[in-house]
Amino acid sequence: MKTLIKSGRIIDPISKLDKVKDLLIEGNKIVAIEDKISIEADEIINAEGYWVVPGLIDLHVHLREPGFTHKETIETGCKSAAMGGFTTICCMPNTKPVIDNKSIVEYIHAKTKEAGLVKVLPIGAVTKGQVGRELADIGGMMEAGICGISEDGKTIMDKDLMAKALKTGNELDLIMFSHCEDHDLVRDGVMNAGKRADELGLKGISDESEEVIVDRDIELAIKANAKLHLCHLSTKGSVEILRKAKKRSDNITAEVCPHHFTLTDDIVTLEDTNTKMNPPLRTHKDIEEIKKGLKDGTIDVIATDHAPHHVDEKNMGYEKAPFGIVGLETAVALTITELVDRDILTPMEMVEKLSANPAKILGIEAGELGIGKPADITIIDPNEEYKINVNDFVSKGKNSPFHGKKVRGRVKYTIVEGKIILDNEKL
């Protein structure tokens, strides 16, 4: 099977190539990137005016299966990923049962193969049942194919246990994905602490609740010489702590989510629970520091924290509704609209943060358009304008605060190992 992509703007952060060229796929590999390729192909994609980039990689996705399939399944989550241009996604372990043993990891792999869409790399729980008391069978899960460990949705509050987990991660060469939240400081907070929370009569979540764990986990990771990836940073202080830490260690990386560089707590209303997420929407000063951190390379990755919920759950009122929004199908458009079009990131820097850097962090052969490399490719129309409509999402979750937002940038094709999964916006 030969697929020829014609006249696309090839953007590859690894080779620094940014030029209109043709690209030829044979089987599951890229075999040629040239100015003009004249060959008979089984499939020809006219990519004129489009970006042709390495397949996007999302380090932070909640697929909900097993246990919460009314919210999402592995299949629907993979479809949502393909619609968003993601060829590889990493799924968090807070399912039911928790991904804390070899058999659940094998289950995820089997369901992914059955779906036959994008690649799914499971992240194993750090502790049994995610209750924070004793380490899970991390070695067994590694043998079954996890890409890292995390308690995402929770923080390991026991400092000694966290240190032990980081030591284990170092011994097995596994990344620790850290959800930074001091439970004692958060308590029953539901949105950012500040003026807007006071106006609405809602309990706030302070900047400090995130920053004290960011600082703690960095210190523990440096001491253990372990790989630490900080999830969904949201505050100015967290970015500043990270910037200093990167001068001390090459093992510390971090991500931010599109909603945290786009929205502030000013938009929160009691009626719209789609503005409730964890960490919460912060302030303009936080957004500005996040954008600065993206531009100067302090922040390595843009991830979605895709967290689908059933509409009935989100309609329980602001204090009772679960935290989280969906993000796979809006990430590209929000990044182009908020960062590229505003000259905060170049197209090359955007692709670096959505593909090359995640691949490097995971240590996988991906995130690169090169001869002999896997044909994981995303094709994007950077100029198409439209309004986000949650009813168009293929994810089961429609819980997004971006419904009706005018954006620019649409994923046209998602190609996984040479197979066209998304074909001109159609699965």
Protein backbone atom coordinates (compact mmCIF):
# COMPACT_ATOMS: atom_id res chain seq x y z
CA MET A 1 0.00 0.00 0.00
CA LYS A 2 1.42 3.35 -1.11
CA THR A 3 0.03 6.69 0.01
CA LEU A 4 1.29 9.92 -1.55
CA ILE A 5 0.77 13.20 0.26
CA LYS A 6 1.14 16.02 -2.27
CA SER A 7 2.20 19.64 -1.82
CA GLY A 8 1.84 19.88 1.97
CA ARG A 9 3.87 22.12 4.24
CA ILE A 10 6.10 19.59 5.98
CA ILE A 11 6.81 20.74 9.55
CA ASP A 12 9.26 18.52 11.43
CA PRO A 13 10.86 19.74 14.69
CA ILE A 14 13.55 17.05 14.70
CA SER A 15 15.08 17.86 11.28
CA LYS A 16 13.86 21.49 11.45
CA LEU A 17 12.31 21.00 8.01
CA ASP A 18 9.61 23.56 7.20
CA LYS A 19 8.97 23.46 3.47
CA VAL A 20 6.32 22.49 0.92
CA LYS A 21 7.16 18.99 -0.29
CA ASP A 22 5.62 15.65 -1.22
CA LEU A 23 5.74 12.72 1.21
CA LEU A 24 5.45 9.05 0.29
CA ILE A 25 4.30 6.28 2.62
CA GLU A 26 4.85 2.64 1.78
CA GLY A 27 3.32 0.14 4.19
CA ASN A 28 3.78 1.59 7.65
CA LYS A 29 6.89 3.68 6.96
CA ILE A 30 7.79 7.00 5.40
CA VAL A 31 9.97 6.22 2.38
CA ALA A 32 10.46 9.57 0.66
CA ILE A 33 10.19 13.32 1.28
CA GLU A 34 10.99 15.25 -1.88
CA ASP A 35 10.06 18.38 -3.80
CA LYS A 36 8.12 16.38 -6.38
CA ILE A 37 7.34 12.67 -6.25
CA SER A 38 6.00 11.09 -9.43
CA ILE A 39 4.76 7.60 -8.68
CA GLU A 40 1.58 5.58 -8.93
CA ALA A 41 0.06 5.38 -5.47
CA ASP A 42 -2.94 3.59 -4.01
CA GLU A 43 -4.00 6.78 -2.23
CA ILE A 44 -3.22 10.39 -3.12
CA ILE A 45 -3.90 13.16 -0.60
CA ASN A 46 -3.85 16.72 -1.87
CA ALA A 47 -2.38 18.62 1.09
CA GLU A 48 -1.94 21.98 -0.63
CA GLY A 49 -2.38 24.73 1.95
CA TYR A 50 -2.21 22.20 4.81
CA TRP A 51 0.41 21.42 7.44
CA VAL A 52 1.81 17.87 7.36
CA VAL A 53 3.22 17.12 10.80
CA PRO A 54 4.34 14.14 12.90
CA GLY A 55 1.36 12.41 14.51
CA LEU A 56 0.26 14.26 17.63
CA ILE A 57 0.82 12.63 21.03
CA ASP A 58 -1.31 13.32 24.11
CA LEU A 59 0.38 12.44 27.40
CA HIS A 60 -2.77 12.91 29.48
CA VAL A 61 -6.09 11.28 28.59
CA HIS A 62 -8.86 9.64 30.64
CA LEU A 63 -10.51 6.83 28.66
CA ARG A 64 -12.75 5.76 31.58
CA GLU A 65 -12.74 2.06 30.60
CA PRO A 66 -12.93 -0.23 32.51
CA GLY A 67 -15.67 0.79 34.91
CA PHE A 68 -17.07 4.08 33.62
CA THR A 69 -18.12 3.28 30.07
CA HIS A 70 -21.16 5.57 30.36
CA LYS A 71 -18.61 8.42 30.20
CA GLU A 72 -16.26 7.04 27.52
CA THR A 73 -14.89 3.77 26.18
CA ILE A 74 -11.50 2.95 24.76
CA GLU A 75 -13.09 2.86 21.30
CA THR A 76 -14.91 6.20 21.57
CA GLY A 77 -11.87 7.80 23.18
CA CYS A 78 -9.69 6.57 20.32
CA LYS A 79 -12.17 7.93 17.80
CA SER A 80 -12.09 11.28 19.58
CA ALA A 81 -8.28 11.19 19.50
CA ALA A 82 -8.25 10.49 15.76
CA MET A 83 -10.65 13.38 15.15
CA GLY A 84 -8.25 15.60 17.08
CA GLY A 85 -5.19 14.47 15.13
CA PHE A 86 -3.67 12.36 17.89
CA THR A 87 -1.98 9.14 16.75
CA THR A 88 -0.81 8.14 20.26
CA ILE A 89 -2.49 8.79 23.60
CA CYS A 90 -1.50 7.90 27.17
CA CYS A 91 -4.40 6.84 29.38
CA MET A 92 -4.50 7.56 33.10
CA PRO A 93 -5.12 4.78 35.64
CA ASN A 94 -8.13 6.09 37.60
CA THR A 95 -10.55 3.54 36.15
CA LYS A 96 -12.57 0.88 38.00
CA PRO A 97 -10.79 -1.35 38.67
CA VAL A 98 -7.73 0.86 38.79
CA ILE A 99 -4.91 0.13 36.34
CA ASP A 100 -2.68 -1.23 39.09
CA ASN A 101 -1.78 -4.72 37.87
CA LYS A 102 -0.64 -6.62 34.80
CA SER A 103 -4.06 -8.00 33.84
CA ILE A 104 -5.69 -4.56 33.56
CA VAL A 105 -2.80 -3.31 31.42
CA GLU A 106 -3.28 -6.32 29.15
CA TYR A 107 -7.01 -5.55 29.00
CA ILE A 108 -6.28 -1.99 27.81
CA HIS A 109 -3.96 -3.31 25.10
CA ALA A 110 -6.54 -5.87 23.94
CA LYS A 111 -9.33 -3.28 23.72
CA THR A 112 -7.02 -0.90 21.85
CA LYS A 113 -6.18 -3.61 19.31
CA GLU A 114 -9.87 -4.41 18.95
CA ALA A 115 -10.67 -0.76 18.23
CA GLY A 116 -7.96 -0.62 15.56
CA LEU A 117 -7.65 3.16 15.60
CA VAL A 118 -4.86 5.04 17.42
CA LYS A 119 -2.10 3.84 19.71
CA VAL A 120 -2.86 3.75 23.45
CA LEU A 121 -0.10 3.62 26.05
CA PRO A 122 -1.42 2.83 29.54
CA ILE A 123 -0.08 4.63 32.58
CA GLY A 124 -0.03 2.42 35.68
CA ALA A 125 -1.15 3.47 39.15
CA VAL A 126 1.61 4.14 41.67
CA THR A 127 -0.27 2.55 44.58
CA LYS A 128 -2.68 -0.36 44.87
CA GLY A 129 -6.20 0.89 44.24
CA GLN A 130 -4.83 4.45 44.20
CA VAL A 131 -5.40 4.65 47.96
CA GLY A 132 -1.86 5.83 48.71
CA ARG A 133 -0.81 3.10 51.14
CA GLU A 134 1.44 0.62 49.32
CA LEU A 135 3.07 0.49 45.91
CA ALA A 136 1.32 -1.38 43.11
CA ASP A 137 3.05 -4.10 41.10
CA ILE A 138 4.95 -1.59 39.01
CA GLY A 139 7.42 -4.16 37.67
CA GLY A 140 4.63 -6.46 36.51
CA MET A 141 2.82 -3.58 34.81
CA MET A 142 6.02 -2.55 33.09
CA GLU A 143 6.36 -6.06 31.65
CA ALA A 144 2.79 -5.74 30.36
CA GLY A 145 3.59 -2.43 28.65
CA ILE A 146 2.92 0.69 30.71
CA CYS A 147 4.67 3.90 29.65
CA GLY A 148 4.83 5.46 33.11
CA ILE A 149 3.20 5.64 36.54
CA SER A 150 0.81 8.13 38.12
CA GLU A 151 -1.84 8.62 40.79
CA ASP A 152 -3.56 11.13 38.52
CA GLY A 153 -6.65 12.56 40.11
CA LYS A 154 -4.87 12.15 43.44
CA THR A 155 -1.57 13.07 45.07
CA ILE A 156 0.53 10.70 47.16
CA MET A 157 0.49 12.71 50.36
CA ASP A 158 2.92 10.40 52.17
CA LYS A 159 6.29 11.94 51.35
CA ASP A 160 8.22 8.75 52.15
CA LEU A 161 5.97 6.66 49.91
CA MET A 162 6.37 9.16 47.08
CA ALA A 163 10.14 9.02 47.50
CA LYS A 164 9.99 5.21 47.35
CA ALA A 165 7.85 5.37 44.20
CA LEU A 166 10.31 7.75 42.52
CA LYS A 167 13.19 5.43 43.46
CA THR A 168 11.31 2.51 41.89
CA GLY A 169 10.61 4.57 38.79
CA ASN A 170 14.30 5.40 38.49
CA GLU A 171 15.29 1.74 38.83
CA LEU A 172 12.82 0.73 36.09
CA ASP A 173 13.44 3.83 33.93
CA LEU A 174 9.77 4.84 34.15
CA ILE A 175 8.39 8.36 34.21
CA MET A 176 6.38 9.59 37.18
CA PHE A 177 3.41 11.66 35.99
CA SER A 178 2.63 13.84 38.99
CA HIS A 179 -0.78 15.31 39.81
CA CYS A 180 0.22 18.18 42.10
CA GLU A 181 -2.45 18.95 44.67
CA ASP A 182 -2.20 19.14 48.44
CA HIS A 183 -5.46 17.54 49.58
CA ASP A 184 -5.28 19.21 52.98
CA LEU A 185 -5.17 22.64 51.36
CA VAL A 186 -7.79 21.91 48.69
CA ARG A 187 -10.32 20.29 50.99
CA ASP A 188 -13.74 20.88 49.37
CA GLY A 189 -12.73 23.74 47.06
CA VAL A 190 -14.40 23.77 43.65
CA MET A 191 -12.84 26.72 41.76
CA ASN A 192 -9.92 29.13 41.94
CA ALA A 193 -9.72 31.01 45.22
CA GLY A 194 -10.23 34.71 44.67
CA LYS A 195 -12.66 37.47 43.89
CA ARG A 196 -14.89 35.44 41.57
CA ALA A 197 -15.22 32.56 44.05
CA ASP A 198 -16.21 35.08 46.71
CA GLU A 199 -18.81 36.62 44.41
CA LEU A 200 -20.35 33.22 43.70
CA GLY A 201 -20.14 31.99 47.28
CA LEU A 202 -18.03 28.99 46.24
CA LYS A 203 -15.09 27.52 48.16
CA GLY A 204 -11.78 28.27 46.50
CA ILE A 205 -8.67 26.28 45.60
CA SER A 206 -5.50 28.25 46.31
CA ASP A 207 -2.39 28.55 44.13
CA GLU A 208 -0.44 27.22 47.11
CA SER A 209 -2.27 23.88 47.01
CA GLU A 210 -0.62 23.15 43.66
CA GLU A 211 2.71 24.86 44.19
CA VAL A 212 3.70 23.14 47.45
CA ILE A 213 3.43 19.72 45.77
CA VAL A 214 5.19 20.91 42.60
CA ASP A 215 8.07 22.03 44.81
CA ARG A 216 8.00 18.87 46.96
CA ASP A 217 7.92 16.44 44.03
CA ILE A 218 10.71 18.25 42.19
CA GLU A 219 12.95 18.03 45.24
CA LEU A 220 12.16 14.34 45.75
CA ALA A 221 12.74 13.55 42.06
CA ILE A 222 16.08 15.34 41.96
CA LYS A 223 17.20 13.47 45.06
CA ALA A 224 16.15 10.14 43.49
CA ASN A 225 17.56 11.09 40.06
CA ALA A 226 14.13 10.10 38.73
CA LYS A 227 12.16 11.22 35.69
CA LEU A 228 9.32 13.50 36.77
CA HIS A 229 6.61 14.89 34.51
CA LEU A 230 4.39 17.52 36.10
CA CYS A 231 0.80 17.31 34.91
CA HIS A 232 -1.51 20.21 34.01
CA LEU A 233 0.32 23.10 35.66
CA SER A 234 -2.00 26.06 36.17
CA THR A 235 -0.32 28.79 38.23
CA LYS A 236 2.32 31.45 37.70
CA GLY A 237 4.15 30.16 40.76
CA SER A 238 4.30 26.60 39.44
CA VAL A 239 5.89 27.79 36.19
CA GLU A 240 8.44 29.84 38.11
CA ILE A 241 9.34 26.86 40.32
CA LEU A 242 9.69 24.68 37.21
CA ARG A 243 11.91 27.23 35.47
CA LYS A 244 14.36 27.16 38.38
CA ALA A 245 14.23 23.35 38.62
CA LYS A 246 15.18 22.93 34.96
CA LYS A 247 18.50 24.60 35.68
CA ARG A 248 19.20 21.82 38.19
CA SER A 249 17.95 18.73 36.37
CA ASP A 250 17.25 17.48 32.84
CA ASN A 251 14.79 14.92 34.22
CA ILE A 252 11.99 17.39 35.01
CA THR A 253 9.34 18.04 32.33
CA ALA A 254 5.86 19.53 32.42
CA GLU A 255 2.64 20.03 30.51
CA VAL A 256 -0.14 22.58 30.35
CA CYS A 257 -3.65 22.23 28.92
CA PRO A 258 -5.35 24.47 26.33
CA HIS A 259 -8.02 25.55 28.81
CA HIS A 260 -5.36 26.86 31.17
CA PHE A 261 -3.81 29.12 28.52
CA THR A 262 -7.19 30.21 27.17
CA LEU A 263 -9.73 30.76 29.98
CA THR A 264 -9.76 32.47 33.39
CA ASP A 265 -12.01 32.11 36.41
CA ASP A 266 -13.89 35.22 35.22
CA ILE A 267 -16.06 32.95 33.04
CA VAL A 268 -17.19 30.70 35.92
CA THR A 269 -20.92 30.76 36.64
CA LEU A 270 -23.02 28.60 38.93
CA GLU A 271 -24.99 27.41 35.90
CA ASP A 272 -22.08 26.27 33.72
CA THR A 273 -20.37 23.30 35.36
CA ASN A 274 -18.26 22.85 32.22
CA THR A 275 -16.04 25.53 33.74
CA LYS A 276 -15.29 23.20 36.67
CA MET A 277 -11.98 21.41 36.27
CA ASN A 278 -9.00 20.36 38.36
CA PRO A 279 -6.75 22.26 38.59
CA PRO A 280 -9.24 25.10 38.24
CA LEU A 281 -9.24 27.98 35.79
CA ARG A 282 -6.95 30.61 37.25
CA THR A 283 -6.29 34.31 36.47
CA HIS A 284 -4.84 36.49 33.71
CA LYS A 285 -1.44 36.62 35.43
CA ASP A 286 -1.33 32.83 35.44
CA ILE A 287 -2.21 32.65 31.73
CA GLU A 288 0.50 35.16 30.88
CA GLU A 289 3.16 33.17 32.75
CA ILE A 290 2.02 29.92 31.14
CA LYS A 291 2.35 31.52 27.69
CA LYS A 292 5.78 32.83 28.64
CA GLY A 293 6.75 29.33 29.82
CA LEU A 294 5.57 27.80 26.56
CA LYS A 295 7.52 30.34 24.53
CA ASP A 296 10.80 30.07 26.43
CA GLY A 297 10.71 26.26 26.60
CA THR A 298 10.12 25.96 30.33
CA ILE A 299 6.91 24.07 29.55
CA ASP A 300 7.63 21.11 27.28
CA VAL A 301 4.21 19.79 26.32
CA ILE A 302 0.63 20.72 25.54
CA ALA A 303 -1.68 17.91 26.75
CA THR A 304 -5.47 17.81 26.97
CA ASP A 305 -6.37 16.10 30.27
CA HIS A 306 -9.37 14.82 28.28
CA ALA A 307 -11.89 14.01 31.03
CA PRO A 308 -15.33 13.02 29.71
CA HIS A 309 -18.37 12.93 31.98
CA HIS A 310 -22.03 12.07 31.40
CA VAL A 311 -24.33 15.06 31.02
CA ASP A 312 -26.40 14.00 34.06
CA GLU A 313 -23.29 14.09 36.24
CA LYS A 314 -22.34 17.55 35.05
CA ASN A 315 -25.90 18.75 35.72
CA MET A 316 -25.69 18.08 39.47
CA GLY A 317 -24.88 21.68 40.37
CA TYR A 318 -21.48 23.34 40.66
CA GLU A 319 -20.48 21.98 44.05
CA LYS A 320 -21.46 18.37 43.32
CA ALA A 321 -20.57 18.08 39.62
CA PRO A 322 -17.33 16.20 38.86
CA PHE A 323 -14.21 18.06 37.78
CA GLY A 324 -13.11 17.84 34.16
CA ILE A 325 -13.71 18.67 30.51
CA VAL A 326 -13.11 16.94 27.19
CA GLY A 327 -10.22 18.18 25.09
CA LEU A 328 -9.04 15.83 22.34
CA GLU A 329 -11.16 17.36 19.59
CA THR A 330 -10.43 21.01 20.41
CA ALA A 331 -6.70 21.02 21.24
CA VAL A 332 -5.37 21.80 17.75
CA ALA A 333 -7.82 24.60 17.05
CA LEU A 334 -7.33 26.22 20.47
CA THR A 335 -3.55 26.05 20.17
CA ILE A 336 -3.55 27.61 16.71
CA THR A 337 -6.11 30.26 17.70
CA GLU A 338 -4.64 31.22 21.06
CA LEU A 339 -0.91 30.68 20.53
CA VAL A 340 0.10 30.47 16.86
CA ASP A 341 -2.21 33.17 15.51
CA ARG A 342 -1.09 35.47 18.34
CA ASP A 343 2.61 34.88 17.61
CA ILE A 344 3.29 33.21 20.95
CA LEU A 345 4.36 29.96 19.28
CA THR A 346 5.52 29.34 15.73
CA PRO A 347 3.94 26.38 13.89
CA MET A 348 7.22 24.50 14.48
CA GLU A 349 7.09 25.18 18.23
CA MET A 350 3.46 24.08 18.35
CA VAL A 351 4.30 20.76 16.69
CA GLU A 352 7.26 20.33 19.03
CA LYS A 353 4.97 20.60 22.06
CA LEU A 354 2.24 18.39 20.64
CA SER A 355 4.42 15.69 19.09
CA ALA A 356 8.23 15.75 19.22
CA ASN A 357 8.58 16.58 22.93
CA PRO A 358 5.97 14.04 24.11
CA ALA A 359 7.74 11.36 22.02
CA LYS A 360 11.08 12.29 23.57
CA ILE A 361 9.65 12.17 27.09
CA LEU A 362 8.14 8.73 26.45
CA GLY A 363 11.26 7.48 24.67
CA ILE A 364 9.28 6.14 21.71
CA GLU A 365 10.00 6.17 17.99
CA ALA A 366 7.51 8.86 17.03
CA GLY A 367 7.24 12.63 16.73
CA GLU A 368 9.39 12.79 13.60
CA LEU A 369 8.89 12.87 9.84
CA GLY A 370 11.95 11.08 8.47
CA ILE A 371 12.85 8.38 5.99
CA GLY A 372 12.26 4.98 7.57
CA LYS A 373 10.25 6.44 10.44
CA PRO A 374 6.76 5.19 11.37
CA ALA A 375 4.08 6.77 9.20
CA ASP A 376 2.21 8.42 12.06
CA ILE A 377 1.10 11.68 10.46
CA THR A 378 -1.40 14.46 11.12
CA ILE A 379 -2.58 16.81 8.38
CA ILE A 380 -4.05 20.13 9.49
CA ASP A 381 -5.79 22.98 7.68
CA PRO A 382 -4.50 25.93 9.76
CA ASN A 383 -6.84 28.45 8.12
CA GLU A 384 -10.32 26.92 8.37
CA GLU A 385 -12.56 29.00 10.63
CA TYR A 386 -15.58 27.59 12.46
CA LYS A 387 -17.41 27.56 15.76
CA ILE A 388 -16.82 24.65 18.13
CA ASN A 389 -20.00 22.58 18.48
CA VAL A 390 -19.98 19.92 21.20
CA ASN A 391 -22.76 18.05 19.39
CA ASP A 392 -20.24 17.27 16.66
CA PHE A 393 -17.85 15.51 19.07
CA VAL A 394 -17.45 11.76 18.61
CA SER A 395 -16.42 11.47 22.26
CA LYS A 396 -19.25 10.41 24.54
CA GLY A 397 -18.40 13.46 26.61
CA LYS A 398 -19.82 16.80 25.50
CA ASN A 399 -18.58 18.63 28.61
CA SER A 400 -16.64 21.53 27.14
CA PRO A 401 -16.62 25.23 28.02
CA PHE A 402 -15.71 26.02 24.41
CA HIS A 403 -19.10 25.36 22.79
CA GLY A 404 -19.78 28.22 20.38
CA LYS A 405 -16.20 29.58 20.46
CA LYS A 406 -14.91 30.77 17.09
CA VAL A 407 -11.57 29.14 16.27
CA ARG A 408 -9.17 28.52 13.41
CA GLY A 409 -7.54 25.22 12.51
CA ARG A 410 -9.08 21.87 11.58
CA VAL A 411 -7.57 18.39 11.51
CA LYS A 412 -8.18 16.84 8.09
CA TYR A 413 -6.29 13.54 8.19
CA THR A 414 -4.93 11.27 10.91
CA ILE A 415 -2.64 8.49 9.68
CA VAL A 416 -1.45 5.72 12.03
CA GLU A 417 1.35 3.45 10.77
CA GLY A 418 0.34 4.21 7.21
CA LYS A 419 -3.36 3.56 7.75
CA ILE A 420 -5.68 6.50 7.16
CA ILE A 421 -7.88 6.63 10.26
CA LEU A 422 -9.35 10.09 9.63
CA ASP A 423 -9.93 10.75 5.94
CA ASN A 424 -10.81 14.36 5.10
CA GLU A 425 -12.55 14.78 8.50
CA LYS A 426 -14.35 11.42 8.25
CA LEU A 427 -13.48 8.41 10.40
